Amino acid sequence: MRQRHFVNVFKLLTVAMAGVLLLAGCQGGSKPAVSAEKKRELANALYNQELFSQAIAEYQEYLRFYPVDEKEQANISYQIGNIYFERLKDYENALAYFIRAKTLDPQASFQAQLGKKVVECLERLHRSADARQVIAQTSALDESQKPQSRPGEVIAKIGQREITTGDLAFQINQLPEYLRGQFQSGERKKQFLQQYIAQELLYDSAKRKGLENDPEVVEGLFQAQKALMTEKLLEQEIEQEANIDKYSNADVELFYRANKERYAEKDDKGHVQRIKPFAEVAQQAGQDFVQQKKQEAYQRIIERLMQAEQVVIYEAKIK
């Protein structure tokens, strides 16, 4: 058992601090070898490195093995709930920890914000009836409510809500990779932060006006959800169908030979001047090869689905 625990500890060594503290924790008896303050620091360090699941694990160990009063348990439970909600988009676990926090310390300063988070979890879990019941029983959506601050240095405030360096880094990392590089300088980060704050202000204003129930918004959310679900399904199906890993560099070179003209230098009239050798265009050829395999996989998937669902298109009636 001790050896297995030692192995599990080293799986968390993505941050040097984590390794040192966890190893020390394995050497003690029933009393934790790491102080409660260090345990919390470790959890925060993991969070700031965007190791959200590992941060949750540290918070959970803190609750399990340290003498923590109910008020502190509620605090940590609320923090875990926020990580599940905002970072991992795991609304079931977020809801469970929010309810735990609510039960452990009904008088906590974050109770108003917590009520709003419970409603948002229920809405995302498509439990609208339960969400309406919570709204009816509490003042959870009062405009004075503000989310709890996150680990990191505070760089802005919206009323009482704090925005930290961790928040900013997380939001930038949600951008497509080709856009992230545009927000590395201090000035560009400042511009991004201003845009983010503007978006939050507009969203809060729209919520206060009840626009989440507007028919166009409801339909737009449905269409967006459908598009995201379709995209996710295709991503999974194409990855399985195309099975790119089974191809080698030789397959890419064979593709290049069959499409040499695509990689030729041409004059203004389109006449081939030079065929670029494979070594010169290997990367581009590889990307084109993968794209072709994905397109072929997409066609096979659609054809299979159409056959399974017995799709019939009456082309003669389309005018």
Protein backbone atom coordinates (compact mmCIF):
# COMPACT_ATOMS: atom_id res chain seq x y z
CA MET A 1 0.00 0.00 0.00
CA ARG A 2 2.86 2.37 0.92
CA GLN A 3 4.59 1.71 -2.39
CA ARG A 4 1.40 2.29 -4.38
CA HIS A 5 0.85 5.59 -2.57
CA PHE A 6 4.45 6.58 -3.38
CA VAL A 7 3.80 5.95 -7.10
CA ASN A 8 0.55 7.94 -7.02
CA VAL A 9 2.40 10.82 -5.39
CA PHE A 10 4.87 11.06 -8.23
CA LYS A 11 2.10 11.33 -10.78
CA LEU A 12 1.47 14.79 -9.35
CA LEU A 13 5.02 16.03 -9.83
CA THR A 14 4.15 18.52 -12.55
CA VAL A 15 5.20 21.26 -10.18
CA ALA A 16 8.39 20.88 -8.12
CA MET A 17 6.73 22.25 -5.03
CA ALA A 18 4.02 19.63 -5.29
CA GLY A 19 6.57 16.82 -5.34
CA VAL A 20 8.43 18.03 -2.27
CA LEU A 21 5.32 18.53 -0.19
CA LEU A 22 3.63 15.30 -1.18
CA LEU A 23 6.75 13.22 -0.57
CA ALA A 24 7.07 14.71 2.87
CA GLY A 25 3.44 13.85 3.51
CA CYS A 26 4.12 10.16 2.83
CA GLN A 27 6.74 9.90 5.56
CA GLY A 28 4.63 10.75 8.54
CA GLY A 29 2.18 8.77 10.60
CA SER A 30 -1.45 9.63 11.14
CA LYS A 31 -0.58 13.29 11.66
CA PRO A 32 0.00 15.17 8.38
CA ALA A 33 3.67 16.02 7.86
CA VAL A 34 2.75 19.14 5.86
CA SER A 35 1.12 22.07 7.60
CA ALA A 36 -2.40 23.10 6.66
CA GLU A 37 -1.08 26.41 5.35
CA LYS A 38 1.42 24.64 3.06
CA LYS A 39 -1.28 22.29 1.85
CA ARG A 40 -3.43 25.25 0.80
CA GLU A 41 -0.42 26.91 -0.83
CA LEU A 42 0.19 23.73 -2.81
CA ALA A 43 -3.41 23.64 -4.00
CA ASN A 44 -3.17 27.28 -5.07
CA ALA A 45 0.15 26.66 -6.85
CA LEU A 46 -1.38 23.81 -8.84
CA TYR A 47 -4.37 25.97 -9.69
CA ASN A 48 -2.16 28.80 -10.93
CA GLN A 49 -0.36 26.32 -13.19
CA GLU A 50 -3.80 25.39 -14.60
CA LEU A 51 -3.55 21.89 -13.11
CA PHE A 52 -7.15 22.08 -12.01
CA SER A 53 -7.84 18.40 -11.34
CA GLN A 54 -4.66 18.14 -9.26
CA ALA A 55 -5.60 21.29 -7.32
CA ILE A 56 -8.97 19.74 -6.51
CA ALA A 57 -7.24 16.58 -5.29
CA GLU A 58 -5.11 18.65 -2.88
CA TYR A 59 -8.13 20.54 -1.57
CA GLN A 60 -9.94 17.23 -1.06
CA GLU A 61 -6.99 15.82 0.90
CA TYR A 62 -6.95 19.00 2.95
CA LEU A 63 -10.60 18.46 3.87
CA ARG A 64 -10.08 14.75 4.54
CA PHE A 65 -6.91 14.72 6.65
CA TYR A 66 -6.69 18.07 8.42
CA PRO A 67 -8.67 19.33 11.44
CA VAL A 68 -10.85 21.87 9.65
CA ASP A 69 -13.91 23.50 11.18
CA GLU A 70 -17.22 23.66 9.31
CA LYS A 71 -16.72 27.27 8.23
CA GLU A 72 -13.38 26.44 6.59
CA GLN A 73 -14.84 23.24 5.08
CA ALA A 74 -17.56 25.35 3.49
CA ASN A 75 -14.95 27.78 2.16
CA ILE A 76 -12.86 25.06 0.56
CA SER A 77 -15.95 23.28 -0.79
CA TYR A 78 -17.02 26.51 -2.45
CA GLN A 79 -13.53 26.89 -3.96
CA ILE A 80 -13.66 23.31 -5.33
CA GLY A 81 -17.13 23.96 -6.71
CA ASN A 82 -15.87 27.04 -8.52
CA ILE A 83 -13.00 25.08 -10.11
CA TYR A 84 -15.40 22.41 -11.34
CA PHE A 85 -17.82 25.06 -12.60
CA GLU A 86 -15.56 27.65 -14.21
CA ARG A 87 -12.49 25.66 -15.24
CA LEU A 88 -13.55 22.03 -15.82
CA LYS A 89 -17.17 22.68 -16.87
CA ASP A 90 -18.19 19.71 -14.68
CA TYR A 91 -21.54 21.00 -13.48
CA GLU A 92 -22.62 17.89 -11.56
CA ASN A 93 -19.58 17.94 -9.28
CA ALA A 94 -19.78 21.73 -9.05
CA LEU A 95 -23.39 21.48 -7.90
CA ALA A 96 -22.49 18.84 -5.30
CA TYR A 97 -19.77 21.01 -3.75
CA PHE A 98 -21.91 24.14 -3.85
CA ILE A 99 -24.65 22.32 -1.95
CA ARG A 100 -22.06 21.04 0.53
CA ALA A 101 -20.79 24.58 1.11
CA LYS A 102 -24.33 25.87 1.53
CA THR A 103 -25.14 23.21 4.11
CA LEU A 104 -21.93 23.52 6.12
CA ASP A 105 -22.07 27.30 6.58
CA PRO A 106 -25.51 28.80 5.85
CA GLN A 107 -24.32 32.22 7.07
CA ALA A 108 -21.19 32.42 4.91
CA SER A 109 -20.52 35.66 3.07
CA PHE A 110 -20.55 33.82 -0.26
CA GLN A 111 -24.06 32.38 0.19
CA ALA A 112 -25.67 34.90 -2.18
CA GLN A 113 -23.14 34.16 -4.93
CA LEU A 114 -23.46 30.45 -4.21
CA GLY A 115 -27.20 30.56 -4.83
CA LYS A 116 -26.60 32.04 -8.26
CA LYS A 117 -24.03 29.36 -9.06
CA VAL A 118 -26.48 26.63 -8.02
CA VAL A 119 -29.05 28.06 -10.44
CA GLU A 120 -26.49 28.22 -13.26
CA CYS A 121 -25.44 24.61 -12.61
CA LEU A 122 -29.04 23.46 -12.78
CA GLU A 123 -29.64 25.37 -16.00
CA ARG A 124 -26.56 23.82 -17.62
CA LEU A 125 -27.75 20.39 -16.51
CA HIS A 126 -31.09 21.12 -18.23
CA ARG A 127 -32.94 21.13 -14.91
CA SER A 128 -34.79 24.38 -15.55
CA ALA A 129 -37.69 23.52 -13.28
CA ASP A 130 -35.33 23.00 -10.34
CA ALA A 131 -33.53 26.23 -11.24
CA ARG A 132 -36.80 28.17 -11.16
CA GLN A 133 -37.63 26.68 -7.78
CA VAL A 134 -34.29 27.81 -6.37
CA ILE A 135 -34.85 31.30 -7.76
CA ALA A 136 -38.28 31.42 -6.16
CA GLN A 137 -36.91 30.38 -2.77
CA THR A 138 -33.88 32.67 -2.66
CA SER A 139 -32.66 36.06 -3.83
CA ALA A 140 -29.86 34.33 -5.70
CA LEU A 141 -29.93 36.57 -8.74
CA ASP A 142 -29.69 39.88 -6.91
CA GLU A 143 -27.45 42.18 -8.93
CA SER A 144 -25.25 42.86 -5.91
CA GLN A 145 -23.94 39.29 -5.97
CA LYS A 146 -20.35 38.93 -7.06
CA PRO A 147 -18.26 35.79 -7.66
CA GLN A 148 -15.52 34.90 -5.20
CA SER A 149 -12.00 35.92 -6.11
CA ARG A 150 -9.55 33.35 -7.51
CA PRO A 151 -5.88 32.61 -6.71
CA GLY A 152 -3.45 35.10 -8.20
CA GLU A 153 -2.70 38.80 -8.00
CA VAL A 154 -5.76 41.04 -8.34
CA ILE A 155 -5.45 43.11 -11.53
CA ALA A 156 -8.99 44.52 -11.84
CA LYS A 157 -12.32 44.76 -10.07
CA ILE A 158 -15.91 44.82 -11.26
CA GLY A 159 -17.61 46.25 -8.19
CA GLN A 160 -16.59 43.82 -5.47
CA ARG A 161 -15.66 41.06 -7.91
CA GLU A 162 -11.92 40.57 -8.25
CA ILE A 163 -10.22 39.54 -11.49
CA THR A 164 -6.80 37.97 -10.99
CA THR A 165 -3.81 37.15 -13.13
CA GLY A 166 -5.02 33.54 -13.02
CA ASP A 167 -8.39 34.56 -14.44
CA LEU A 168 -6.75 36.53 -17.25
CA ALA A 169 -4.34 33.72 -18.16
CA PHE A 170 -7.17 31.20 -18.19
CA GLN A 171 -9.33 33.33 -20.51
CA ILE A 172 -6.46 33.91 -22.93
CA ASN A 173 -5.73 30.18 -22.99
CA GLN A 174 -9.29 29.52 -24.13
CA LEU A 175 -8.49 31.27 -27.42
CA PRO A 176 -7.42 29.26 -30.48
CA GLU A 177 -3.68 28.66 -30.46
CA TYR A 178 -3.06 30.97 -33.43
CA LEU A 179 -4.61 33.87 -31.48
CA ARG A 180 -2.92 33.33 -28.11
CA GLY A 181 0.40 34.63 -29.38
CA GLN A 182 -1.19 38.02 -30.01
CA PHE A 183 -1.73 38.57 -26.28
CA GLN A 184 1.72 38.07 -24.79
CA SER A 185 2.77 41.68 -24.21
CA GLY A 186 1.52 43.71 -21.28
CA GLU A 187 -0.29 46.17 -23.56
CA ARG A 188 -2.10 43.43 -25.48
CA LYS A 189 -3.08 41.69 -22.24
CA LYS A 190 -4.49 45.00 -21.01
CA GLN A 191 -6.59 45.29 -24.18
CA PHE A 192 -7.84 41.74 -23.78
CA LEU A 193 -8.73 42.43 -20.12
CA GLN A 194 -10.71 45.52 -21.13
CA GLN A 195 -12.62 43.50 -23.73
CA TYR A 196 -13.27 40.75 -21.19
CA ILE A 197 -14.61 43.24 -18.63
CA ALA A 198 -16.85 44.84 -21.26
CA GLN A 199 -18.25 41.41 -22.14
CA GLU A 200 -18.91 40.60 -18.47
CA LEU A 201 -20.67 43.93 -17.92
CA LEU A 202 -22.89 43.43 -20.96
CA TYR A 203 -23.67 39.85 -19.93
CA ASP A 204 -24.61 40.89 -16.38
CA SER A 205 -26.84 43.63 -17.77
CA ALA A 206 -28.55 41.19 -20.13
CA LYS A 207 -29.13 38.75 -17.26
CA ARG A 208 -30.72 41.45 -15.13
CA LYS A 209 -33.13 42.18 -17.98
CA GLY A 210 -34.06 38.50 -18.22
CA LEU A 211 -32.80 38.15 -21.78
CA GLU A 212 -31.84 34.52 -21.20
CA ASN A 213 -35.56 33.80 -21.71
CA ASP A 214 -35.81 35.78 -24.95
CA PRO A 215 -37.05 33.43 -27.74
CA GLU A 216 -34.20 34.38 -30.06
CA VAL A 217 -31.64 33.74 -27.31
CA VAL A 218 -33.20 30.39 -26.43
CA GLU A 219 -33.18 29.33 -30.10
CA GLY A 220 -29.63 30.59 -30.55
CA LEU A 221 -28.45 28.59 -27.54
CA PHE A 222 -30.14 25.49 -28.94
CA GLN A 223 -28.50 25.94 -32.33
CA ALA A 224 -25.12 26.60 -30.72
CA GLN A 225 -25.46 23.49 -28.59
CA LYS A 226 -26.42 21.43 -31.62
CA ALA A 227 -23.42 22.74 -33.55
CA LEU A 228 -21.03 22.01 -30.68
CA MET A 229 -22.42 18.51 -30.21
CA THR A 230 -22.09 17.82 -33.94
CA GLU A 231 -18.54 19.15 -33.98
CA LYS A 232 -17.59 17.01 -30.97
CA LEU A 233 -19.13 13.88 -32.50
CA LEU A 234 -17.33 14.45 -35.80
CA GLU A 235 -14.07 15.03 -33.99
CA GLN A 236 -14.40 11.69 -32.20
CA GLU A 237 -15.71 9.77 -35.22
CA ILE A 238 -13.16 11.17 -37.68
CA GLU A 239 -10.29 10.47 -35.31
CA GLN A 240 -11.43 6.86 -35.07
CA GLU A 241 -12.33 6.47 -38.75
CA ALA A 242 -9.28 8.19 -40.23
CA ASN A 243 -6.84 6.58 -37.76
CA ILE A 244 -4.02 8.91 -38.83
CA ASP A 245 -1.52 7.16 -36.54
CA LYS A 246 -1.41 4.13 -38.80
CA TYR A 247 0.16 6.14 -41.66
CA SER A 248 3.88 6.71 -42.03
CA ASN A 249 6.13 9.26 -43.69
CA ALA A 250 6.21 6.94 -46.70
CA ASP A 251 2.45 7.36 -47.11
CA VAL A 252 2.85 11.13 -47.08
CA GLU A 253 5.61 10.92 -49.70
CA LEU A 254 3.38 8.73 -51.87
CA PHE A 255 0.65 11.39 -51.57
CA TYR A 256 3.21 14.04 -52.59
CA ARG A 257 4.19 12.10 -55.71
CA ALA A 258 0.56 11.81 -56.77
CA ASN A 259 0.06 15.57 -56.29
CA LYS A 260 3.42 17.04 -57.29
CA GLU A 261 1.91 19.85 -59.33
CA ARG A 262 0.19 21.16 -56.19
CA TYR A 263 3.64 21.95 -54.81
CA ALA A 264 5.11 23.43 -58.01
CA GLU A 265 6.30 26.96 -58.53
CA LYS A 266 4.35 28.54 -61.39
CA ASP A 267 4.65 31.69 -63.44
CA ASP A 268 1.95 34.31 -63.93
CA LYS A 269 0.32 32.18 -66.64
CA GLY A 270 0.17 29.09 -64.47
CA HIS A 271 2.99 27.25 -66.18
CA VAL A 272 5.11 25.02 -63.95
CA GLN A 273 8.60 26.43 -63.45
CA ARG A 274 9.92 24.08 -60.78
CA ILE A 275 8.66 21.06 -58.89
CA LYS A 276 9.65 21.43 -55.27
CA PRO A 277 11.31 18.30 -53.84
CA PHE A 278 9.55 16.40 -51.08
CA ALA A 279 12.08 17.45 -48.44
CA GLU A 280 11.20 21.10 -49.11
CA VAL A 281 7.43 20.68 -48.76
CA ALA A 282 7.20 17.68 -46.40
CA GLN A 283 5.40 19.60 -43.67
CA GLN A 284 2.79 21.10 -46.00
CA ALA A 285 2.32 17.75 -47.76
CA GLY A 286 1.80 16.10 -44.40
CA GLN A 287 -0.91 18.61 -43.47
CA ASP A 288 -2.62 18.17 -46.84
CA PHE A 289 -2.45 14.39 -46.50
CA VAL A 290 -4.07 14.46 -43.06
CA GLN A 291 -6.76 16.83 -44.28
CA GLN A 292 -7.58 14.55 -47.21
CA LYS A 293 -7.84 11.52 -44.93
CA LYS A 294 -10.19 13.43 -42.63
CA GLN A 295 -12.38 14.49 -45.57
CA GLU A 296 -12.54 10.90 -46.78
CA ALA A 297 -13.44 9.75 -43.26
CA TYR A 298 -16.16 12.43 -43.08
CA GLN A 299 -17.71 11.16 -46.31
CA ARG A 300 -17.71 7.57 -45.07
CA ILE A 301 -19.35 8.60 -41.80
CA ILE A 302 -22.12 10.58 -43.54
CA GLU A 303 -22.76 7.80 -46.05
CA ARG A 304 -22.98 5.27 -43.24
CA LEU A 305 -25.41 7.41 -41.25
CA MET A 306 -27.58 8.12 -44.29
CA GLN A 307 -27.80 4.43 -45.08
CA ALA A 308 -28.58 3.50 -41.46
CA GLU A 309 -31.35 6.12 -41.25
CA GLN A 310 -32.66 5.29 -44.74
CA VAL A 311 -32.35 8.85 -45.99
CA VAL A 312 -34.13 9.62 -49.28
CA ILE A 313 -33.64 12.87 -51.20
CA TYR A 314 -36.21 13.66 -53.92
CA GLU A 315 -33.93 15.66 -56.18
CA ALA A 316 -36.53 16.07 -58.92
CA LYS A 317 -38.71 18.08 -56.55
CA ILE A 318 -35.96 20.56 -55.74
CA LYS A 319 -36.28 23.60 -57.98
